N, C-alpha and C. Protein backbone atom coordinates (compact mmCIF):
# COMPACT_ATOMS: atom_id res chain seq x y z
N MET A 1 1.50 -1.48 -3.12
CA MET A 1 0.98 -0.57 -4.11
C MET A 1 1.69 0.76 -3.91
N GLU A 2 2.19 1.28 -4.98
CA GLU A 2 2.84 2.59 -4.93
C GLU A 2 1.94 3.63 -5.56
N PHE A 3 1.75 4.74 -4.84
CA PHE A 3 0.87 5.79 -5.31
C PHE A 3 1.64 7.00 -5.86
N THR A 4 2.86 7.19 -5.37
CA THR A 4 3.69 8.31 -5.80
C THR A 4 5.15 7.94 -5.60
N ASP A 5 6.04 8.69 -6.21
CA ASP A 5 7.46 8.39 -6.05
C ASP A 5 8.14 9.29 -5.02
N LYS A 6 7.37 9.95 -4.18
CA LYS A 6 7.92 10.81 -3.14
C LYS A 6 8.69 9.97 -2.11
N ASP A 7 9.59 10.61 -1.40
CA ASP A 7 10.36 9.93 -0.36
C ASP A 7 9.46 9.57 0.82
N VAL A 8 9.71 8.40 1.39
CA VAL A 8 8.96 7.94 2.56
C VAL A 8 9.54 8.57 3.82
N TYR A 9 8.69 9.20 4.59
CA TYR A 9 9.08 9.82 5.85
C TYR A 9 8.87 8.86 7.01
N GLU A 10 7.75 8.11 6.96
CA GLU A 10 7.39 7.23 8.07
C GLU A 10 6.51 6.09 7.56
N THR A 11 6.63 4.94 8.19
CA THR A 11 5.76 3.80 7.91
C THR A 11 4.87 3.58 9.12
N LYS A 12 3.57 3.46 8.87
CA LYS A 12 2.61 3.24 9.95
C LYS A 12 1.93 1.89 9.77
N GLU A 13 1.76 1.17 10.88
CA GLU A 13 1.06 -0.11 10.86
C GLU A 13 -0.43 0.16 11.06
N ILE A 14 -1.22 -0.21 10.09
CA ILE A 14 -2.67 -0.02 10.16
C ILE A 14 -3.31 -1.21 10.87
N SER A 15 -2.85 -2.39 10.55
CA SER A 15 -3.27 -3.61 11.23
C SER A 15 -2.10 -4.59 11.15
N GLU A 16 -2.29 -5.80 11.60
CA GLU A 16 -1.20 -6.77 11.65
C GLU A 16 -0.51 -6.97 10.31
N ASN A 17 -1.24 -6.88 9.21
CA ASN A 17 -0.67 -7.15 7.89
C ASN A 17 -0.79 -5.99 6.90
N ILE A 18 -1.17 -4.82 7.38
CA ILE A 18 -1.33 -3.67 6.48
C ILE A 18 -0.48 -2.50 6.99
N TYR A 19 0.36 -1.99 6.09
CA TYR A 19 1.25 -0.88 6.42
C TYR A 19 1.12 0.20 5.36
N ILE A 20 1.21 1.47 5.78
CA ILE A 20 1.24 2.56 4.82
C ILE A 20 2.52 3.36 5.03
N ASP A 21 3.08 3.81 3.93
CA ASP A 21 4.23 4.71 3.96
C ASP A 21 3.70 6.10 3.65
N ILE A 22 4.13 7.08 4.44
CA ILE A 22 3.68 8.45 4.24
C ILE A 22 4.87 9.37 4.01
N ASP A 23 4.59 10.49 3.33
CA ASP A 23 5.64 11.47 3.11
C ASP A 23 5.68 12.44 4.29
N ASP A 24 6.53 13.45 4.20
CA ASP A 24 6.70 14.38 5.32
C ASP A 24 5.49 15.27 5.56
N LYS A 25 4.50 15.25 4.64
CA LYS A 25 3.27 16.03 4.81
C LYS A 25 2.09 15.17 5.22
N GLY A 26 2.33 13.86 5.42
CA GLY A 26 1.28 12.95 5.84
C GLY A 26 0.49 12.32 4.71
N ASN A 27 0.93 12.50 3.47
CA ASN A 27 0.25 11.91 2.32
C ASN A 27 0.73 10.48 2.10
N ILE A 28 -0.16 9.61 1.66
CA ILE A 28 0.20 8.21 1.43
C ILE A 28 1.08 8.10 0.20
N VAL A 29 2.23 7.45 0.36
CA VAL A 29 3.16 7.18 -0.73
C VAL A 29 2.93 5.77 -1.26
N SER A 30 2.77 4.80 -0.34
CA SER A 30 2.54 3.42 -0.75
C SER A 30 1.84 2.64 0.36
N MET A 31 1.34 1.47 0.00
CA MET A 31 0.65 0.59 0.95
C MET A 31 1.13 -0.83 0.73
N THR A 32 1.37 -1.53 1.82
CA THR A 32 1.76 -2.93 1.76
C THR A 32 0.69 -3.77 2.46
N ILE A 33 0.21 -4.79 1.78
CA ILE A 33 -0.74 -5.74 2.36
C ILE A 33 -0.05 -7.10 2.34
N GLU A 34 0.43 -7.51 3.50
CA GLU A 34 1.14 -8.79 3.60
C GLU A 34 0.16 -9.95 3.65
N HIS A 35 0.50 -11.02 2.96
CA HIS A 35 -0.28 -12.26 2.97
C HIS A 35 -1.73 -12.04 2.51
N ALA A 36 -1.94 -11.10 1.59
CA ALA A 36 -3.29 -10.76 1.14
C ALA A 36 -4.01 -11.96 0.54
N LYS A 37 -3.33 -12.71 -0.29
CA LYS A 37 -3.95 -13.87 -0.94
C LYS A 37 -4.40 -14.90 0.09
N ALA A 38 -3.55 -15.22 1.06
CA ALA A 38 -3.87 -16.22 2.07
C ALA A 38 -4.95 -15.74 3.03
N ASN A 39 -4.86 -14.49 3.46
CA ASN A 39 -5.82 -13.97 4.45
C ASN A 39 -7.21 -13.75 3.87
N ALA A 40 -7.28 -13.44 2.59
CA ALA A 40 -8.58 -13.20 1.97
C ALA A 40 -9.21 -14.48 1.44
N GLY A 41 -8.44 -15.58 1.42
CA GLY A 41 -8.96 -16.84 0.90
C GLY A 41 -9.14 -16.81 -0.60
N LEU A 42 -8.34 -16.02 -1.29
CA LEU A 42 -8.45 -15.90 -2.74
C LEU A 42 -7.42 -16.78 -3.43
N TRP A 43 -7.76 -17.32 -4.56
CA TRP A 43 -6.79 -18.10 -5.33
C TRP A 43 -6.09 -17.23 -6.36
N GLU A 44 -6.61 -16.00 -6.56
CA GLU A 44 -6.02 -15.10 -7.53
C GLU A 44 -6.27 -13.66 -7.09
N ILE A 45 -5.27 -12.80 -7.31
CA ILE A 45 -5.42 -11.37 -7.03
C ILE A 45 -5.07 -10.63 -8.30
N SER A 46 -5.89 -9.64 -8.67
CA SER A 46 -5.60 -8.84 -9.84
C SER A 46 -5.65 -7.36 -9.48
N TYR A 47 -5.14 -6.53 -10.36
CA TYR A 47 -5.14 -5.10 -10.12
C TYR A 47 -5.29 -4.37 -11.45
N GLN A 48 -5.63 -3.11 -11.35
CA GLN A 48 -5.73 -2.28 -12.54
C GLN A 48 -4.91 -1.03 -12.31
N GLU A 49 -4.04 -0.72 -13.24
CA GLU A 49 -3.21 0.47 -13.14
C GLU A 49 -3.95 1.65 -13.76
N MET A 50 -3.98 2.74 -13.03
CA MET A 50 -4.66 3.95 -13.50
C MET A 50 -3.61 5.01 -13.83
N THR A 51 -3.85 5.77 -14.86
CA THR A 51 -2.94 6.85 -15.20
C THR A 51 -3.29 8.11 -14.41
N ALA A 52 -2.29 8.90 -14.13
CA ALA A 52 -2.53 10.16 -13.41
C ALA A 52 -3.24 11.14 -14.32
N SER A 53 -4.14 11.92 -13.73
CA SER A 53 -4.84 12.91 -14.56
C SER A 53 -4.37 14.30 -14.30
């Protein structure tokens, strides 16, 4: 999931399958959830895109 188009300064591992990318000020740029479908036992994953306000 991408939250902003800022440059990634660092990637941090939150858990074995979850990573966040942060900018140089510590703000979240994006998040990666590896194997989400398999680990959650879901047959389908959906999302909703929100516009910036």
